[in-house]
Amino acid sequence: MRAAASKIVTRDVLREKLAEHKRRGQRIVFANGCFDILHIGHIRYLEGARNEGDILVVGVNMDSSVCALKGPGRPVLHEGARAQLVASLKSVDYVVLFPEPNVESLLEVLRPDVHAKGTDYTPDTVPERAAAAELGIRVAIVGDRKDHSTRELFESIRKAPHV
């Protein structure tokens, strides 16, 4: 098993690694998210994504894009820590950080076979659905139903009695 830090790679390195995997006939799955605080929904999402192929690549939003997407006070964890947490999961083969608000450019560069999104999306609401279709990338909705979120976890921590 590789150390988590060695799974975190740049786009250019990742593109080369994925080309080799494709030459071997392996199916590449791409998933993405902020992963500010890992919770069971994230784990089930990534395990579901992994079940769609042979190699799982996870895009982790950089701090600047998390702040733009989630608002003030986010992220709680720095992008390097979030990337390392995701990379430490057995189901994850590679992690790449990205600053954009969506992953259209990563899909274009990496050309995975499958783009996995969580159950908070439908095939019609995936932001990158048109780009994926144009590139011949199948979109898969994976994971369990969305009944937990990082925002709700933070809220329950704030409301917890302080001892």
N, C-alpha and C. Protein backbone atom coordinates (compact mmCIF):
# COMPACT_ATOMS: atom_id res chain seq x y z
N MET A 1 0.85 -1.18 0.00
CA MET A 1 0.00 0.00 0.00
C MET A 1 0.89 1.25 0.00
N ARG A 2 0.54 2.19 -0.87
CA ARG A 2 1.33 3.42 -0.97
C ARG A 2 0.96 4.39 0.14
N ALA A 3 1.96 5.19 0.55
CA ALA A 3 1.70 6.23 1.54
C ALA A 3 0.76 7.26 0.95
N ALA A 4 -0.07 7.83 1.80
CA ALA A 4 -1.08 8.79 1.34
C ALA A 4 -0.45 9.94 0.57
N ALA A 5 0.65 10.50 1.06
CA ALA A 5 1.25 11.66 0.40
C ALA A 5 1.68 11.35 -1.03
N SER A 6 2.06 10.12 -1.30
CA SER A 6 2.50 9.76 -2.66
C SER A 6 1.34 9.65 -3.64
N LYS A 7 0.12 9.61 -3.14
CA LYS A 7 -1.07 9.55 -4.00
C LYS A 7 -1.49 10.94 -4.48
N ILE A 8 -0.97 12.00 -3.85
CA ILE A 8 -1.34 13.37 -4.21
C ILE A 8 -0.39 13.83 -5.31
N VAL A 9 -0.96 14.10 -6.49
CA VAL A 9 -0.14 14.41 -7.66
C VAL A 9 -0.68 15.63 -8.40
N THR A 10 0.17 16.19 -9.25
CA THR A 10 -0.24 17.32 -10.09
C THR A 10 -1.03 16.80 -11.28
N ARG A 11 -1.70 17.70 -11.97
CA ARG A 11 -2.46 17.33 -13.17
C ARG A 11 -1.57 16.67 -14.21
N ASP A 12 -0.38 17.25 -14.43
CA ASP A 12 0.50 16.72 -15.47
C ASP A 12 0.98 15.31 -15.14
N VAL A 13 1.38 15.09 -13.91
CA VAL A 13 1.82 13.76 -13.48
C VAL A 13 0.64 12.79 -13.57
N LEU A 14 -0.51 13.23 -13.12
CA LEU A 14 -1.70 12.38 -13.13
C LEU A 14 -2.08 12.00 -14.56
N ARG A 15 -2.03 12.93 -15.48
CA ARG A 15 -2.37 12.64 -16.87
C ARG A 15 -1.48 11.51 -17.41
N GLU A 16 -0.18 11.55 -17.10
CA GLU A 16 0.75 10.50 -17.55
C GLU A 16 0.42 9.16 -16.89
N LYS A 17 0.15 9.18 -15.59
CA LYS A 17 -0.16 7.94 -14.88
C LYS A 17 -1.45 7.30 -15.41
N LEU A 18 -2.45 8.14 -15.67
CA LEU A 18 -3.72 7.61 -16.16
C LEU A 18 -3.59 7.06 -17.57
N ALA A 19 -2.74 7.67 -18.39
CA ALA A 19 -2.50 7.15 -19.74
C ALA A 19 -1.94 5.73 -19.65
N GLU A 20 -1.05 5.49 -18.70
CA GLU A 20 -0.49 4.13 -18.51
C GLU A 20 -1.57 3.16 -18.05
N HIS A 21 -2.40 3.58 -17.12
CA HIS A 21 -3.50 2.71 -16.66
C HIS A 21 -4.43 2.37 -17.82
N LYS A 22 -4.73 3.34 -18.65
CA LYS A 22 -5.61 3.10 -19.81
C LYS A 22 -4.97 2.13 -20.79
N ARG A 23 -3.64 2.25 -20.97
CA ARG A 23 -2.95 1.31 -21.87
C ARG A 23 -3.09 -0.12 -21.36
N ARG A 24 -3.21 -0.26 -20.04
CA ARG A 24 -3.39 -1.59 -19.43
C ARG A 24 -4.85 -2.03 -19.45
N GLY A 25 -5.73 -1.20 -20.00
CA GLY A 25 -7.14 -1.55 -20.07
C GLY A 25 -7.93 -1.28 -18.82
N GLN A 26 -7.38 -0.49 -17.91
CA GLN A 26 -8.09 -0.19 -16.66
C GLN A 26 -9.05 0.97 -16.86
N ARG A 27 -10.22 0.88 -16.20
CA ARG A 27 -11.24 1.92 -16.28
C ARG A 27 -10.99 2.96 -15.18
N ILE A 28 -10.96 4.22 -15.58
CA ILE A 28 -10.67 5.33 -14.68
C ILE A 28 -11.98 5.98 -14.24
N VAL A 29 -12.12 6.18 -12.93
CA VAL A 29 -13.27 6.86 -12.36
C VAL A 29 -12.78 8.14 -11.70
N PHE A 30 -13.51 9.22 -11.91
CA PHE A 30 -13.17 10.50 -11.30
C PHE A 30 -14.31 10.94 -10.39
N ALA A 31 -13.97 11.32 -9.16
CA ALA A 31 -14.93 11.86 -8.20
C ALA A 31 -14.33 13.16 -7.66
N ASN A 32 -15.15 14.01 -7.09
CA ASN A 32 -14.60 15.26 -6.56
C ASN A 32 -15.43 15.79 -5.41
N GLY A 33 -14.83 16.71 -4.66
CA GLY A 33 -15.53 17.35 -3.56
C GLY A 33 -14.61 18.20 -2.73
N CYS A 34 -15.21 18.87 -1.74
CA CYS A 34 -14.44 19.71 -0.81
C CYS A 34 -13.81 18.87 0.30
N PHE A 35 -14.57 17.92 0.83
CA PHE A 35 -14.11 17.01 1.88
C PHE A 35 -13.54 17.78 3.07
N ASP A 36 -14.28 18.80 3.51
CA ASP A 36 -13.78 19.67 4.58
C ASP A 36 -13.59 18.90 5.88
N ILE A 37 -14.54 18.11 6.25
CA ILE A 37 -14.42 17.18 7.37
C ILE A 37 -14.97 15.86 6.85
N LEU A 38 -14.14 14.83 6.79
CA LEU A 38 -14.62 13.55 6.27
C LEU A 38 -15.71 12.98 7.16
N HIS A 39 -16.80 12.54 6.54
CA HIS A 39 -17.87 11.88 7.27
C HIS A 39 -18.33 10.66 6.49
N ILE A 40 -19.26 9.91 7.04
CA ILE A 40 -19.67 8.64 6.46
C ILE A 40 -20.23 8.81 5.05
N GLY A 41 -20.88 9.92 4.76
CA GLY A 41 -21.39 10.16 3.41
C GLY A 41 -20.27 10.23 2.39
N HIS A 42 -19.15 10.87 2.78
CA HIS A 42 -17.99 10.92 1.89
C HIS A 42 -17.43 9.52 1.63
N ILE A 43 -17.32 8.74 2.68
CA ILE A 43 -16.77 7.39 2.55
C ILE A 43 -17.65 6.56 1.61
N ARG A 44 -18.95 6.61 1.80
CA ARG A 44 -19.86 5.83 0.96
C ARG A 44 -19.84 6.33 -0.48
N TYR A 45 -19.72 7.62 -0.68
CA TYR A 45 -19.62 8.20 -2.01
C TYR A 45 -18.37 7.69 -2.72
N LEU A 46 -17.23 7.74 -2.03
CA LEU A 46 -15.97 7.32 -2.66
C LEU A 46 -15.93 5.80 -2.88
N GLU A 47 -16.49 5.04 -1.97
CA GLU A 47 -16.56 3.59 -2.19
C GLU A 47 -17.48 3.27 -3.37
N GLY A 48 -18.59 3.99 -3.48
CA GLY A 48 -19.48 3.81 -4.62
C GLY A 48 -18.80 4.18 -5.92
N ALA A 49 -18.02 5.25 -5.89
CA ALA A 49 -17.28 5.66 -7.08
C ALA A 49 -16.26 4.59 -7.47
N ARG A 50 -15.57 4.08 -6.50
CA ARG A 50 -14.55 3.04 -6.77
C ARG A 50 -15.19 1.82 -7.44
N ASN A 51 -16.39 1.49 -7.06
CA ASN A 51 -17.08 0.33 -7.64
C ASN A 51 -17.41 0.51 -9.12
N GLU A 52 -17.26 1.72 -9.64
CA GLU A 52 -17.56 1.99 -11.05
C GLU A 52 -16.38 1.70 -11.98
N GLY A 53 -15.20 1.38 -11.42
CA GLY A 53 -14.04 1.15 -12.27
C GLY A 53 -12.87 0.56 -11.51
N ASP A 54 -11.69 0.68 -12.11
CA ASP A 54 -10.48 0.08 -11.55
C ASP A 54 -9.60 1.05 -10.78
N ILE A 55 -9.56 2.29 -11.23
CA ILE A 55 -8.70 3.32 -10.65
C ILE A 55 -9.58 4.50 -10.25
N LEU A 56 -9.47 4.93 -8.99
CA LEU A 56 -10.26 6.07 -8.52
C LEU A 56 -9.37 7.29 -8.31
N VAL A 57 -9.69 8.34 -9.04
CA VAL A 57 -9.03 9.64 -8.91
C VAL A 57 -10.02 10.57 -8.22
N VAL A 58 -9.54 11.30 -7.22
CA VAL A 58 -10.42 12.23 -6.51
C VAL A 58 -9.85 13.64 -6.62
N GLY A 59 -10.67 14.54 -7.15
CA GLY A 59 -10.33 15.95 -7.18
C GLY A 59 -10.79 16.59 -5.88
N VAL A 60 -9.89 17.31 -5.23
CA VAL A 60 -10.21 18.00 -3.97
C VAL A 60 -10.11 19.50 -4.23
N ASN A 61 -11.20 20.22 -3.93
CA ASN A 61 -11.21 21.66 -4.12
C ASN A 61 -10.12 22.33 -3.29
N MET A 62 -9.41 23.26 -3.91
CA MET A 62 -8.43 24.06 -3.18
C MET A 62 -9.18 25.02 -2.25
N ASP A 63 -8.46 25.56 -1.27
CA ASP A 63 -9.08 26.43 -0.27
C ASP A 63 -9.87 27.58 -0.89
N SER A 64 -9.31 28.20 -1.93
CA SER A 64 -9.98 29.35 -2.55
C SER A 64 -11.35 28.97 -3.12
N SER A 65 -11.46 27.80 -3.73
CA SER A 65 -12.75 27.42 -4.30
C SER A 65 -13.72 26.94 -3.23
N VAL A 66 -13.22 26.35 -2.14
CA VAL A 66 -14.11 25.97 -1.03
C VAL A 66 -14.74 27.22 -0.44
N CYS A 67 -13.93 28.24 -0.21
CA CYS A 67 -14.44 29.49 0.35
C CYS A 67 -15.50 30.09 -0.56
N ALA A 68 -15.25 30.08 -1.86
CA ALA A 68 -16.22 30.64 -2.82
C ALA A 68 -17.51 29.83 -2.84
N LEU A 69 -17.40 28.50 -2.72
CA LEU A 69 -18.57 27.64 -2.78
C LEU A 69 -19.35 27.58 -1.47
N LYS A 70 -18.64 27.55 -0.34
CA LYS A 70 -19.27 27.29 0.95
C LYS A 70 -19.44 28.53 1.83
N GLY A 71 -18.71 29.60 1.53
CA GLY A 71 -18.86 30.83 2.30
C GLY A 71 -17.80 31.04 3.36
N PRO A 72 -17.95 32.13 4.11
CA PRO A 72 -16.97 32.49 5.14
C PRO A 72 -16.80 31.38 6.18
N GLY A 73 -15.59 31.24 6.65
CA GLY A 73 -15.29 30.24 7.68
C GLY A 73 -14.98 28.87 7.12
N ARG A 74 -15.06 28.70 5.83
CA ARG A 74 -14.76 27.42 5.20
C ARG A 74 -13.63 27.63 4.20
N PRO A 75 -12.75 26.70 4.06
CA PRO A 75 -12.75 25.40 4.72
C PRO A 75 -12.22 25.50 6.15
N VAL A 76 -12.54 24.49 6.93
CA VAL A 76 -12.01 24.39 8.28
C VAL A 76 -10.61 23.80 8.22
N LEU A 77 -10.44 22.80 7.39
CA LEU A 77 -9.13 22.17 7.21
C LEU A 77 -8.47 22.69 5.94
N HIS A 78 -7.17 22.91 6.00
CA HIS A 78 -6.38 23.38 4.86
C HIS A 78 -6.38 22.33 3.75
N GLU A 79 -6.26 22.78 2.51
CA GLU A 79 -6.32 21.88 1.35
C GLU A 79 -5.33 20.72 1.42
N GLY A 80 -4.13 20.95 1.95
CA GLY A 80 -3.16 19.87 2.07
C GLY A 80 -3.62 18.78 3.02
N ALA A 81 -4.23 19.19 4.13
CA ALA A 81 -4.75 18.21 5.09
C ALA A 81 -5.93 17.45 4.50
N ARG A 82 -6.83 18.17 3.82
CA ARG A 82 -7.99 17.51 3.21
C ARG A 82 -7.55 16.52 2.14
N ALA A 83 -6.56 16.91 1.33
CA ALA A 83 -6.06 16.01 0.29
C ALA A 83 -5.43 14.76 0.91
N GLN A 84 -4.67 14.94 1.98
CA GLN A 84 -4.03 13.79 2.61
C GLN A 84 -5.04 12.86 3.26
N LEU A 85 -6.08 13.41 3.87
CA LEU A 85 -7.13 12.58 4.45
C LEU A 85 -7.79 11.72 3.38
N VAL A 86 -8.15 12.33 2.25
CA VAL A 86 -8.79 11.59 1.17
C VAL A 86 -7.81 10.55 0.61
N ALA A 87 -6.55 10.93 0.44
CA ALA A 87 -5.55 10.01 -0.10
C ALA A 87 -5.30 8.83 0.82
N SER A 88 -5.57 8.98 2.09
CA SER A 88 -5.32 7.88 3.04
C SER A 88 -6.36 6.76 2.93
N LEU A 89 -7.44 7.02 2.22
CA LEU A 89 -8.49 6.01 2.07
C LEU A 89 -8.05 4.92 1.10
N LYS A 90 -8.31 3.69 1.46
CA LYS A 90 -7.91 2.54 0.65
C LYS A 90 -8.52 2.58 -0.75
N SER A 91 -9.73 3.08 -0.87
CA SER A 91 -10.43 3.08 -2.16
C SER A 91 -9.85 4.10 -3.15
N VAL A 92 -9.04 5.03 -2.68
CA VAL A 92 -8.54 6.13 -3.51
C VAL A 92 -7.14 5.82 -4.03
N ASP A 93 -6.95 5.98 -5.35
CA ASP A 93 -5.65 5.75 -5.96
C ASP A 93 -4.84 7.03 -6.13
N TYR A 94 -5.52 8.12 -6.51
CA TYR A 94 -4.84 9.40 -6.74
C TYR A 94 -5.73 10.54 -6.28
N VAL A 95 -5.07 11.62 -5.84
CA VAL A 95 -5.76 12.85 -5.46
C VAL A 95 -5.10 14.00 -6.21
N VAL A 96 -5.92 14.90 -6.73
CA VAL A 96 -5.42 16.09 -7.40
C VAL A 96 -6.20 17.29 -6.86
N LEU A 97 -5.50 18.35 -6.51
CA LEU A 97 -6.14 19.58 -6.05
C LEU A 97 -6.52 20.43 -7.25
N PHE A 98 -7.65 21.16 -7.13
CA PHE A 98 -8.05 22.03 -8.23
C PHE A 98 -8.70 23.31 -7.69
N PRO A 99 -8.45 24.46 -8.37
CA PRO A 99 -8.97 25.74 -7.90
C PRO A 99 -10.30 26.15 -8.53
N GLU A 100 -10.71 25.50 -9.62
CA GLU A 100 -11.90 25.91 -10.36
C GLU A 100 -13.18 25.59 -9.57
N PRO A 101 -14.30 26.28 -9.89
CA PRO A 101 -15.57 26.02 -9.20
C PRO A 101 -16.22 24.70 -9.61
N ASN A 102 -15.83 24.15 -10.78
CA ASN A 102 -16.30 22.82 -11.18
C ASN A 102 -15.14 22.08 -11.85
N VAL A 103 -15.38 20.86 -12.26
CA VAL A 103 -14.26 20.02 -12.74
C VAL A 103 -14.26 19.80 -14.26
N GLU A 104 -14.92 20.68 -15.01
CA GLU A 104 -14.93 20.51 -16.46
C GLU A 104 -13.52 20.44 -17.05
N SER A 105 -12.64 21.34 -16.62
CA SER A 105 -11.28 21.34 -17.18
C SER A 105 -10.52 20.07 -16.79
N LEU A 106 -10.75 19.57 -15.59
CA LEU A 106 -10.10 18.31 -15.18
C LEU A 106 -10.61 17.14 -16.01
N LEU A 107 -11.90 17.11 -16.28
CA LEU A 107 -12.45 16.05 -17.11
C LEU A 107 -11.81 16.09 -18.49
N GLU A 108 -11.63 17.28 -19.02
CA GLU A 108 -11.03 17.42 -20.34
C GLU A 108 -9.58 16.95 -20.35
N VAL A 109 -8.83 17.30 -19.32
CA VAL A 109 -7.41 16.93 -19.25
C VAL A 109 -7.24 15.43 -18.94
N LEU A 110 -8.01 14.92 -17.99
CA LEU A 110 -7.80 13.55 -17.51
C LEU A 110 -8.54 12.49 -18.33
N ARG A 111 -9.66 12.85 -18.91
CA ARG A 111 -10.47 11.94 -19.73
C ARG A 111 -10.78 10.61 -19.04
N PRO A 112 -11.40 10.68 -17.85
CA PRO A 112 -11.78 9.42 -17.18
C PRO A 112 -12.89 8.73 -17.96
N ASP A 113 -13.12 7.47 -17.64
CA ASP A 113 -14.22 6.73 -18.26
C ASP A 113 -15.54 7.09 -17.59
N VAL A 114 -15.48 7.38 -16.28
CA VAL A 114 -16.68 7.65 -15.49
C VAL A 114 -16.45 8.88 -14.63
N HIS A 115 -17.46 9.73 -14.55
CA HIS A 115 -17.47 10.87 -13.63
C HIS A 115 -18.53 10.56 -12.58
N ALA A 116 -18.10 10.31 -11.35
CA ALA A 116 -19.01 9.92 -10.27
C ALA A 116 -19.40 11.14 -9.45
N LYS A 117 -20.70 11.27 -9.22
CA LYS A 117 -21.22 12.34 -8.38
C LYS A 117 -22.09 11.71 -7.30
N GLY A 118 -22.24 12.41 -6.17
CA GLY A 118 -23.03 11.92 -5.06
C GLY A 118 -24.52 12.04 -5.30
N THR A 119 -25.26 11.46 -4.39
CA THR A 119 -26.72 11.39 -4.55
C THR A 119 -27.43 12.72 -4.29
N ASP A 120 -26.67 13.77 -3.96
CA ASP A 120 -27.29 15.09 -3.89
C ASP A 120 -27.47 15.66 -5.29
N TYR A 121 -27.00 14.91 -6.30
CA TYR A 121 -27.20 15.26 -7.71
C TYR A 121 -28.11 14.24 -8.37
N THR A 122 -28.67 14.65 -9.49
CA THR A 122 -29.36 13.74 -10.40
C THR A 122 -28.60 13.85 -11.72
N PRO A 123 -28.84 12.94 -12.64
CA PRO A 123 -28.14 13.08 -13.94
C PRO A 123 -28.37 14.45 -14.59
N ASP A 124 -29.52 15.05 -14.34
CA ASP A 124 -29.82 16.35 -14.94
C ASP A 124 -29.21 17.54 -14.21
N THR A 125 -28.76 17.36 -12.96
CA THR A 125 -28.23 18.50 -12.21
C THR A 125 -26.71 18.48 -12.06
N VAL A 126 -26.03 17.48 -12.59
CA VAL A 126 -24.57 17.43 -12.52
C VAL A 126 -24.03 18.62 -13.30
N PRO A 127 -23.26 19.51 -12.65
CA PRO A 127 -22.79 20.72 -13.34
C PRO A 127 -21.97 20.44 -14.60
N GLU A 128 -21.26 19.35 -14.62
CA GLU A 128 -20.37 19.02 -15.74
C GLU A 128 -21.00 18.05 -16.74
N ARG A 129 -22.30 17.85 -16.68
CA ARG A 129 -22.95 16.82 -17.51
C ARG A 129 -22.75 17.06 -19.00
N ALA A 130 -22.84 18.30 -19.47
CA ALA A 130 -22.67 18.58 -20.89
C ALA A 130 -21.23 18.31 -21.32
N ALA A 131 -20.28 18.75 -20.52
CA ALA A 131 -18.87 18.51 -20.85
C ALA A 131 -18.57 17.02 -20.85
N ALA A 132 -19.09 16.29 -19.87
CA ALA A 132 -18.88 14.84 -19.80
C ALA A 132 -19.46 14.16 -21.04
N ALA A 133 -20.66 14.55 -21.42
CA ALA A 133 -21.31 13.94 -22.60
C ALA A 133 -20.49 14.22 -23.86
N GLU A 134 -20.01 15.43 -23.99
CA GLU A 134 -19.21 15.81 -25.16
C GLU A 134 -17.91 15.00 -25.23
N LEU A 135 -17.35 14.68 -24.07
CA LEU A 135 -16.09 13.93 -24.01
C LEU A 135 -16.31 12.41 -24.00
N GLY A 136 -17.56 11.97 -23.98
CA GLY A 136 -17.83 10.53 -23.95
C GLY A 136 -17.61 9.91 -22.59
N ILE A 137 -17.75 10.70 -21.54
CA ILE A 137 -17.56 10.23 -20.17
C ILE A 137 -18.93 9.92 -19.58
N ARG A 138 -19.08 8.72 -19.05
CA ARG A 138 -20.35 8.34 -18.42
C ARG A 138 -20.45 8.98 -17.05
N VAL A 139 -21.61 9.54 -16.72
CA VAL A 139 -21.85 10.10 -15.38
C VAL A 139 -22.58 9.04 -14.56
N ALA A 140 -22.08 8.78 -13.36
CA ALA A 140 -22.70 7.81 -12.45
C ALA A 140 -23.03 8.52 -11.13
N ILE A 141 -24.25 8.34 -10.65
CA ILE A 141 -24.66 8.85 -9.34
C ILE A 141 -24.44 7.72 -8.35
N VAL A 142 -23.59 7.96 -7.34
CA VAL A 142 -23.17 6.89 -6.43
C VAL A 142 -23.25 7.33 -4.98
N GLY A 143 -23.20 6.36 -4.09
CA GLY A 143 -23.22 6.61 -2.65
C GLY A 143 -24.59 6.39 -2.08
N ASP A 144 -24.74 6.70 -0.81
CA ASP A 144 -26.03 6.53 -0.16
C ASP A 144 -26.83 7.82 -0.29
N ARG A 145 -28.09 7.76 0.14
CA ARG A 145 -28.92 8.96 0.03
C ARG A 145 -28.34 10.07 0.90
N LYS A 146 -28.53 11.27 0.47
CA LYS A 146 -27.93 12.44 1.11
C LYS A 146 -28.71 12.81 2.37
N ASP A 147 -28.38 12.18 3.49
CA ASP A 147 -29.04 12.55 4.74
C ASP A 147 -28.02 12.98 5.80
N HIS A 148 -26.85 13.39 5.32
CA HIS A 148 -25.81 13.92 6.20
C HIS A 148 -24.94 14.86 5.38
N SER A 149 -24.43 15.89 6.02
CA SER A 149 -23.58 16.83 5.32
C SER A 149 -22.59 17.44 6.31
N THR A 150 -21.52 17.99 5.75
CA THR A 150 -20.53 18.65 6.58
C THR A 150 -21.17 19.83 7.30
N ARG A 151 -22.01 20.59 6.58
CA ARG A 151 -22.68 21.75 7.19
C ARG A 151 -23.51 21.32 8.41
N GLU A 152 -24.27 20.21 8.27
CA GLU A 152 -25.07 19.72 9.40
C GLU A 152 -24.18 19.23 10.54
N LEU A 153 -23.07 18.61 10.21
CA LEU A 153 -22.13 18.15 11.24
C LEU A 153 -21.60 19.34 12.03
N PHE A 154 -21.19 20.41 11.34
CA PHE A 154 -20.71 21.61 12.02
C PHE A 154 -21.80 22.21 12.91
N GLU A 155 -23.03 22.23 12.42
CA GLU A 155 -24.15 22.80 13.19
C GLU A 155 -24.39 21.98 14.46
N SER A 156 -24.32 20.66 14.38
CA SER A 156 -24.54 19.85 15.57
C SER A 156 -23.42 20.03 16.58
N ILE A 157 -22.20 20.27 16.10
CA ILE A 157 -21.08 20.55 17.01
C ILE A 157 -21.30 21.88 17.72
N ARG A 158 -21.74 22.89 16.97
CA ARG A 158 -21.99 24.21 17.56
C ARG A 158 -23.08 24.15 18.63
N LYS A 159 -24.11 23.31 18.41
CA LYS A 159 -25.24 23.22 19.33
C LYS A 159 -24.96 22.31 20.52
N ALA A 160 -23.92 21.52 20.45
CA ALA A 160 -23.63 20.57 21.53
C ALA A 160 -23.32 21.32 22.82
N PRO A 161 -23.80 20.79 23.96
CA PRO A 161 -23.50 21.44 25.24
C PRO A 161 -21.99 21.45 25.51
N HIS A 162 -21.50 22.56 25.96
CA HIS A 162 -20.07 22.68 26.27
C HIS A 162 -19.86 22.32 27.73
N VAL A 163 -18.93 21.43 27.95
CA VAL A 163 -18.67 20.96 29.31
C VAL A 163 -17.52 21.72 29.91
